[in-house]
């Protein structure tokens, strides 16, 4: 069974360091759950922008799903077409 990593997105929002850290965590795990804290946002439109920015940074070998304010990111073996 694959381990599930966890990360929190706080008041600094989506920074370059957060994205680089997120990408480096995928060397050890295939799934990461990102909790979006209240200090970051409570606006659904802004949350959609965060999702798009994460996917653009990580590339097309990743997919994500959002439930509430938790973003689950999964790494695929091959690129989506």
Protein backbone atom coordinates (compact mmCIF):
# COMPACT_ATOMS: atom_id res chain seq x y z
CA UNK A 1 0.00 0.00 0.00
CA UNK A 2 1.27 3.44 -0.93
CA UNK A 3 2.01 5.98 1.74
CA UNK A 4 0.09 9.24 1.65
CA UNK A 5 2.00 12.45 2.24
CA UNK A 6 0.49 15.54 3.81
CA UNK A 7 1.07 19.26 3.39
CA UNK A 8 -0.63 22.43 4.59
CA UNK A 9 -1.16 25.58 2.57
CA UNK A 10 -1.23 28.53 4.96
CA UNK A 11 -1.31 32.29 5.03
CA UNK A 12 1.64 32.77 2.68
CA UNK A 13 -0.37 31.07 -0.03
CA UNK A 14 1.10 29.30 -3.03
CA UNK A 15 4.80 30.17 -3.10
CA UNK A 16 7.66 28.82 -5.21
CA UNK A 17 9.13 27.08 -2.17
CA UNK A 18 5.83 25.33 -1.45
CA UNK A 19 5.60 24.09 -5.05
CA UNK A 20 9.22 22.89 -5.11
CA UNK A 21 8.74 21.12 -1.77
CA UNK A 22 5.55 19.51 -3.08
CA UNK A 23 7.32 18.23 -6.20
CA UNK A 24 10.23 16.83 -4.19
CA UNK A 25 7.85 14.90 -1.91
CA UNK A 26 6.67 12.86 -4.89
CA UNK A 27 10.04 11.09 -4.94
CA UNK A 28 8.92 9.13 -1.87
CA UNK A 29 5.15 8.88 -2.35
CA UNK A 30 2.52 8.81 -5.08
CA UNK A 31 -0.29 10.62 -3.25
CA UNK A 32 -0.19 13.88 -1.29
CA UNK A 33 -3.09 15.55 0.52
CA UNK A 34 -2.83 19.33 0.77
CA UNK A 35 -4.98 20.96 3.45
CA UNK A 36 -5.89 24.54 2.55
CA UNK A 37 -6.12 26.41 5.85
CA UNK A 38 -8.54 29.25 6.62
CA UNK A 39 -5.69 31.73 6.65
CA UNK A 40 -5.01 30.95 2.98
CA UNK A 41 -8.50 31.18 1.49
CA UNK A 42 -12.17 30.40 1.93
CA UNK A 43 -13.16 31.42 -1.58
CA UNK A 44 -13.98 28.64 -4.06
CA UNK A 45 -12.84 30.65 -7.10
CA UNK A 46 -9.43 31.28 -5.51
CA UNK A 47 -9.20 27.59 -4.63
CA UNK A 48 -9.76 26.72 -8.31
CA UNK A 49 -6.89 29.06 -9.24
CA UNK A 50 -4.65 27.32 -6.70
CA UNK A 51 -5.53 23.95 -8.26
CA UNK A 52 -4.68 25.18 -11.76
CA UNK A 53 -1.37 26.66 -10.61
CA UNK A 54 -0.37 23.42 -8.88
CA UNK A 55 -1.15 21.33 -11.98
CA UNK A 56 0.67 23.76 -14.27
CA UNK A 57 3.77 23.58 -12.08
CA UNK A 58 3.79 19.80 -11.60
CA UNK A 59 3.06 18.86 -15.22
CA UNK A 60 0.75 16.50 -17.04
CA UNK A 61 1.76 13.34 -15.14
CA UNK A 62 -0.27 14.51 -12.14
CA UNK A 63 -3.98 14.71 -11.43
CA UNK A 64 -5.88 16.18 -8.53
CA UNK A 65 -9.25 16.07 -6.82
CA UNK A 66 -10.67 18.51 -4.32
CA UNK A 67 -13.08 17.62 -1.55
CA UNK A 68 -13.94 20.55 0.68
CA UNK A 69 -10.67 22.36 1.26
CA UNK A 70 -8.44 19.31 0.86
CA UNK A 71 -6.65 18.82 -2.45
CA UNK A 72 -5.55 15.26 -3.19
CA UNK A 73 -2.75 15.08 -5.78
CA UNK A 74 -1.82 11.79 -7.44
CA UNK A 75 1.15 10.97 -9.65
CA UNK A 76 0.56 8.75 -12.66
CA UNK A 77 3.16 6.49 -14.23
CA UNK A 78 2.79 7.95 -17.69
CA UNK A 79 1.64 11.25 -19.12
CA UNK A 80 -2.05 11.88 -19.70
CA UNK A 81 -3.00 12.62 -23.28
